[in-house]
Amino acid sequence: MESKYYISVRPQTNELHLVHKEGCPFLPDDGKRIFLGDFRTSHEAERKGSIHFRGVKQCLFCCKERHGRGLKVINAYQASESTSPMAPALYLQGMICCIN
C-alpha cells in the first residue's frame, strides 16, 4: 500500500531535511513542505527527496521501516534516573531536533 510523503523545506539543526509520511505529528505546515509523491516505502521517498535537497534523512517517528524495531524509546523519567549525567540532556536534545 502506498503512502503520501513530504519533505521539509527548512533543514533541521544538523542541516538535514526530513522526509515525513502523511499523518506524522512532526509534518511541517503546508508552506514549509514539498509533496514528494505516493511511495510504497520511505526509502523511495528519501531518494526522491534527494532530488530537491542535498542532505535528506527519514523522520525517526513516522518512517519506522528504515530504523527497525530495535530503537529503544525512553521517557523523561527514565532519562533523569540514568547513571550518566548527560542522559537527560541527550534525551531533550533528541526531542528538540524532531521539532520543525
N, C-alpha and C. Protein backbone atom coordinates (compact mmCIF):
# COMPACT_ATOMS: atom_id res chain seq x y z
N MET A 1 0.83 -1.18 0.00
CA MET A 1 0.00 0.00 0.00
C MET A 1 0.89 1.25 0.00
N GLU A 2 0.56 2.18 -0.84
CA GLU A 2 1.34 3.41 -0.95
C GLU A 2 0.87 4.46 0.04
N SER A 3 1.81 5.28 0.45
CA SER A 3 1.52 6.40 1.35
C SER A 3 2.04 7.68 0.73
N LYS A 4 1.48 8.80 1.15
CA LYS A 4 1.94 10.11 0.68
C LYS A 4 3.12 10.55 1.54
N TYR A 5 4.16 11.06 0.87
CA TYR A 5 5.36 11.51 1.57
C TYR A 5 5.67 12.96 1.23
N TYR A 6 6.25 13.64 2.21
CA TYR A 6 6.61 15.05 2.09
C TYR A 6 8.03 15.23 2.60
N ILE A 7 8.66 16.33 2.18
CA ILE A 7 9.98 16.68 2.71
C ILE A 7 9.91 18.10 3.25
N SER A 8 10.56 18.31 4.38
CA SER A 8 10.56 19.64 4.99
C SER A 8 11.47 20.58 4.20
N VAL A 9 11.01 21.80 4.01
CA VAL A 9 11.79 22.81 3.29
C VAL A 9 12.89 23.34 4.19
N ARG A 10 12.57 23.54 5.45
CA ARG A 10 13.55 24.07 6.41
C ARG A 10 14.36 22.90 6.97
N PRO A 11 15.69 22.98 6.90
CA PRO A 11 16.51 21.89 7.44
C PRO A 11 16.50 21.90 8.97
N GLN A 12 16.83 20.77 9.55
CA GLN A 12 16.99 20.65 10.99
C GLN A 12 18.29 21.34 11.40
N THR A 13 18.60 21.33 12.67
CA THR A 13 19.84 21.96 13.14
C THR A 13 21.08 21.26 12.59
N ASN A 14 20.95 20.01 12.16
CA ASN A 14 22.07 19.28 11.58
C ASN A 14 22.13 19.41 10.06
N GLU A 15 21.37 20.38 9.52
CA GLU A 15 21.34 20.70 8.08
C GLU A 15 20.70 19.60 7.23
N LEU A 16 19.93 18.70 7.83
CA LEU A 16 19.23 17.66 7.08
C LEU A 16 17.76 18.00 6.93
N HIS A 17 17.21 17.69 5.77
CA HIS A 17 15.79 17.85 5.50
C HIS A 17 15.14 16.50 5.76
N LEU A 18 14.04 16.50 6.50
CA LEU A 18 13.40 15.24 6.88
C LEU A 18 12.25 14.89 5.96
N VAL A 19 12.17 13.59 5.63
CA VAL A 19 11.07 13.03 4.86
C VAL A 19 10.04 12.52 5.86
N HIS A 20 8.78 12.92 5.67
CA HIS A 20 7.69 12.53 6.57
C HIS A 20 6.58 11.85 5.78
N LYS A 21 5.93 10.91 6.45
CA LYS A 21 4.75 10.26 5.90
C LYS A 21 3.52 11.08 6.31
N GLU A 22 2.51 11.13 5.45
CA GLU A 22 1.29 11.86 5.77
C GLU A 22 0.71 11.35 7.09
N GLY A 23 0.33 12.27 7.95
CA GLY A 23 -0.21 11.92 9.24
C GLY A 23 0.80 12.01 10.37
N CYS A 24 2.06 12.23 10.05
CA CYS A 24 3.10 12.36 11.07
C CYS A 24 2.84 13.61 11.91
N PRO A 25 2.94 13.51 13.24
CA PRO A 25 2.73 14.70 14.06
C PRO A 25 3.81 15.76 13.88
N PHE A 26 4.95 15.39 13.30
CA PHE A 26 6.04 16.34 13.08
C PHE A 26 6.06 16.87 11.64
N LEU A 27 5.05 16.54 10.86
CA LEU A 27 4.94 17.03 9.48
C LEU A 27 4.80 18.54 9.49
N PRO A 28 5.67 19.25 8.77
CA PRO A 28 5.57 20.72 8.74
C PRO A 28 4.27 21.19 8.08
N ASP A 29 3.91 22.44 8.33
CA ASP A 29 2.72 23.04 7.72
C ASP A 29 2.85 23.08 6.20
N ASP A 30 1.73 23.36 5.52
CA ASP A 30 1.69 23.35 4.05
C ASP A 30 2.78 24.17 3.39
N GLY A 31 3.04 25.36 3.85
CA GLY A 31 4.04 26.22 3.21
C GLY A 31 5.47 25.85 3.51
N LYS A 32 5.67 24.88 4.40
CA LYS A 32 7.02 24.52 4.82
C LYS A 32 7.40 23.09 4.42
N ARG A 33 6.70 22.55 3.43
CA ARG A 33 6.99 21.19 2.96
C ARG A 33 6.74 21.08 1.47
N ILE A 34 7.33 20.04 0.88
CA ILE A 34 7.16 19.75 -0.54
C ILE A 34 6.58 18.34 -0.65
N PHE A 35 5.53 18.19 -1.44
CA PHE A 35 4.95 16.88 -1.67
C PHE A 35 5.87 16.09 -2.58
N LEU A 36 6.30 14.92 -2.14
CA LEU A 36 7.20 14.08 -2.93
C LEU A 36 6.44 13.11 -3.82
N GLY A 37 5.29 12.63 -3.35
CA GLY A 37 4.51 11.68 -4.13
C GLY A 37 4.04 10.53 -3.27
N ASP A 38 3.45 9.53 -3.94
CA ASP A 38 2.99 8.32 -3.27
C ASP A 38 4.03 7.23 -3.48
N PHE A 39 4.46 6.62 -2.39
CA PHE A 39 5.50 5.60 -2.45
C PHE A 39 5.13 4.42 -1.56
N ARG A 40 5.67 3.25 -1.88
CA ARG A 40 5.45 2.05 -1.08
C ARG A 40 6.34 2.06 0.16
N THR A 41 7.55 2.63 0.06
CA THR A 41 8.47 2.65 1.19
C THR A 41 9.05 4.05 1.38
N SER A 42 9.54 4.29 2.58
CA SER A 42 10.17 5.59 2.86
C SER A 42 11.52 5.70 2.16
N HIS A 43 12.12 4.56 1.78
CA HIS A 43 13.38 4.58 1.03
C HIS A 43 13.19 5.27 -0.32
N GLU A 44 12.09 4.91 -0.99
CA GLU A 44 11.79 5.51 -2.29
C GLU A 44 11.56 7.02 -2.14
N ALA A 45 10.85 7.41 -1.09
CA ALA A 45 10.59 8.83 -0.85
C ALA A 45 11.89 9.57 -0.54
N GLU A 46 12.78 8.94 0.20
CA GLU A 46 14.06 9.57 0.53
C GLU A 46 14.88 9.81 -0.75
N ARG A 47 14.88 8.85 -1.65
CA ARG A 47 15.60 9.03 -2.92
C ARG A 47 15.02 10.20 -3.72
N LYS A 48 13.70 10.29 -3.75
CA LYS A 48 13.05 11.40 -4.46
C LYS A 48 13.37 12.73 -3.77
N GLY A 49 13.41 12.74 -2.45
CA GLY A 49 13.74 13.96 -1.71
C GLY A 49 15.13 14.46 -1.98
N SER A 50 16.06 13.55 -2.27
CA SER A 50 17.44 13.96 -2.55
C SER A 50 17.56 14.69 -3.88
N ILE A 51 16.53 14.68 -4.68
CA ILE A 51 16.50 15.49 -5.91
C ILE A 51 16.35 16.97 -5.53
N HIS A 52 15.60 17.24 -4.46
CA HIS A 52 15.32 18.61 -4.03
C HIS A 52 16.41 19.19 -3.14
N PHE A 53 16.97 18.36 -2.26
CA PHE A 53 17.95 18.83 -1.27
C PHE A 53 19.12 17.87 -1.19
N ARG A 54 20.24 18.41 -0.75
CA ARG A 54 21.46 17.61 -0.63
C ARG A 54 21.42 16.64 0.56
N GLY A 55 21.12 17.14 1.74
CA GLY A 55 21.08 16.31 2.94
C GLY A 55 19.66 15.91 3.27
N VAL A 56 19.33 14.63 3.11
CA VAL A 56 17.97 14.15 3.34
C VAL A 56 18.02 12.93 4.26
N LYS A 57 17.10 12.90 5.22
CA LYS A 57 17.00 11.78 6.14
C LYS A 57 15.53 11.52 6.42
N GLN A 58 15.21 10.31 6.77
CA GLN A 58 13.84 9.95 7.10
C GLN A 58 13.52 10.31 8.55
N CYS A 59 12.30 10.72 8.79
CA CYS A 59 11.83 11.03 10.14
C CYS A 59 11.88 9.76 11.00
N LEU A 60 12.46 9.86 12.17
CA LEU A 60 12.55 8.71 13.07
C LEU A 60 11.19 8.27 13.59
N PHE A 61 10.25 9.18 13.62
CA PHE A 61 8.94 8.87 14.18
C PHE A 61 8.05 8.14 13.19
N CYS A 62 7.93 8.65 11.96
CA CYS A 62 6.95 8.09 11.03
C CYS A 62 7.53 7.13 9.99
N CYS A 63 8.82 7.10 9.81
CA CYS A 63 9.44 6.21 8.82
C CYS A 63 10.15 5.07 9.54
N LYS A 64 9.40 4.27 10.26
CA LYS A 64 9.98 3.25 11.13
C LYS A 64 10.56 2.07 10.39
N GLU A 65 10.14 1.81 9.14
CA GLU A 65 10.68 0.64 8.44
C GLU A 65 12.17 0.79 8.18
N ARG A 66 12.64 2.02 8.10
CA ARG A 66 14.06 2.26 7.89
C ARG A 66 14.85 1.94 9.15
N HIS A 67 14.31 2.32 10.27
CA HIS A 67 15.05 2.24 11.51
C HIS A 67 14.78 0.97 12.29
N GLY A 68 13.79 0.22 11.86
CA GLY A 68 13.50 -1.05 12.51
C GLY A 68 12.87 -0.90 13.88
N ARG A 69 12.70 -2.01 14.51
CA ARG A 69 12.07 -2.01 15.83
C ARG A 69 13.11 -2.05 16.93
N GLY A 70 14.38 -1.97 16.60
CA GLY A 70 15.44 -2.05 17.58
C GLY A 70 15.69 -0.77 18.34
N LEU A 71 14.97 0.30 18.03
CA LEU A 71 15.17 1.55 18.74
C LEU A 71 14.64 1.44 20.16
N LYS A 72 15.39 1.95 21.09
CA LYS A 72 14.95 1.96 22.47
C LYS A 72 14.32 3.31 22.76
N VAL A 73 13.08 3.29 23.15
CA VAL A 73 12.36 4.52 23.46
C VAL A 73 12.33 4.66 24.97
N ILE A 74 12.76 5.82 25.46
CA ILE A 74 12.74 6.08 26.89
C ILE A 74 11.93 7.34 27.15
N ASN A 75 11.40 7.43 28.32
CA ASN A 75 10.69 8.66 28.67
C ASN A 75 11.58 9.55 29.51
N ALA A 76 11.13 10.74 29.81
CA ALA A 76 11.95 11.71 30.54
C ALA A 76 12.30 11.20 31.94
N TYR A 77 11.39 10.47 32.56
CA TYR A 77 11.66 9.95 33.90
C TYR A 77 12.81 8.95 33.87
N GLN A 78 12.80 8.04 32.88
CA GLN A 78 13.88 7.07 32.76
C GLN A 78 15.20 7.77 32.47
N ALA A 79 15.16 8.79 31.63
CA ALA A 79 16.39 9.51 31.28
C ALA A 79 16.97 10.22 32.49
N SER A 80 16.12 10.77 33.35
CA SER A 80 16.62 11.50 34.51
C SER A 80 17.19 10.58 35.57
N GLU A 81 16.79 9.31 35.57
CA GLU A 81 17.30 8.37 36.55
C GLU A 81 18.55 7.63 36.07
N SER A 82 18.99 7.92 34.89
CA SER A 82 20.17 7.25 34.35
C SER A 82 21.41 7.60 35.16
N THR A 83 22.40 6.71 35.13
CA THR A 83 23.63 6.97 35.85
C THR A 83 24.50 8.00 35.14
N SER A 84 24.28 8.19 33.86
CA SER A 84 25.05 9.16 33.09
C SER A 84 24.51 10.56 33.32
N PRO A 85 25.37 11.52 33.67
CA PRO A 85 24.89 12.90 33.89
C PRO A 85 24.41 13.56 32.59
N MET A 86 24.81 13.02 31.44
CA MET A 86 24.42 13.62 30.16
C MET A 86 23.11 13.05 29.62
N ALA A 87 22.59 11.99 30.21
CA ALA A 87 21.39 11.34 29.67
C ALA A 87 20.20 12.29 29.55
N PRO A 88 19.85 13.08 30.57
CA PRO A 88 18.71 13.98 30.40
C PRO A 88 18.94 15.00 29.28
N ALA A 89 20.14 15.50 29.16
CA ALA A 89 20.43 16.48 28.11
C ALA A 89 20.33 15.83 26.74
N LEU A 90 20.85 14.61 26.60
CA LEU A 90 20.78 13.94 25.31
C LEU A 90 19.34 13.61 24.94
N TYR A 91 18.55 13.22 25.91
CA TYR A 91 17.15 12.93 25.66
C TYR A 91 16.43 14.18 25.16
N LEU A 92 16.62 15.30 25.84
CA LEU A 92 15.97 16.54 25.44
C LEU A 92 16.49 17.03 24.11
N GLN A 93 17.77 16.87 23.84
CA GLN A 93 18.33 17.29 22.57
C GLN A 93 17.67 16.53 21.43
N GLY A 94 17.45 15.23 21.60
CA GLY A 94 16.80 14.44 20.57
C GLY A 94 15.39 14.91 20.31
N MET A 95 14.69 15.32 21.36
CA MET A 95 13.33 15.81 21.19
C MET A 95 13.31 17.14 20.47
N ILE A 96 14.25 18.01 20.76
CA ILE A 96 14.29 19.33 20.12
C ILE A 96 14.59 19.18 18.64
N CYS A 97 15.44 18.25 18.26
CA CYS A 97 15.79 18.06 16.85
C CYS A 97 14.62 17.57 16.03
N CYS A 98 13.65 16.95 16.66
CA CYS A 98 12.49 16.42 15.93
C CYS A 98 11.46 17.50 15.60
N ILE A 99 11.51 18.60 16.31
CA ILE A 99 10.52 19.65 16.12
C ILE A 99 10.94 20.55 14.98
N ASN A 100 10.02 20.83 14.09
CA ASN A 100 10.33 21.68 12.95
C ASN A 100 9.46 22.90 12.96
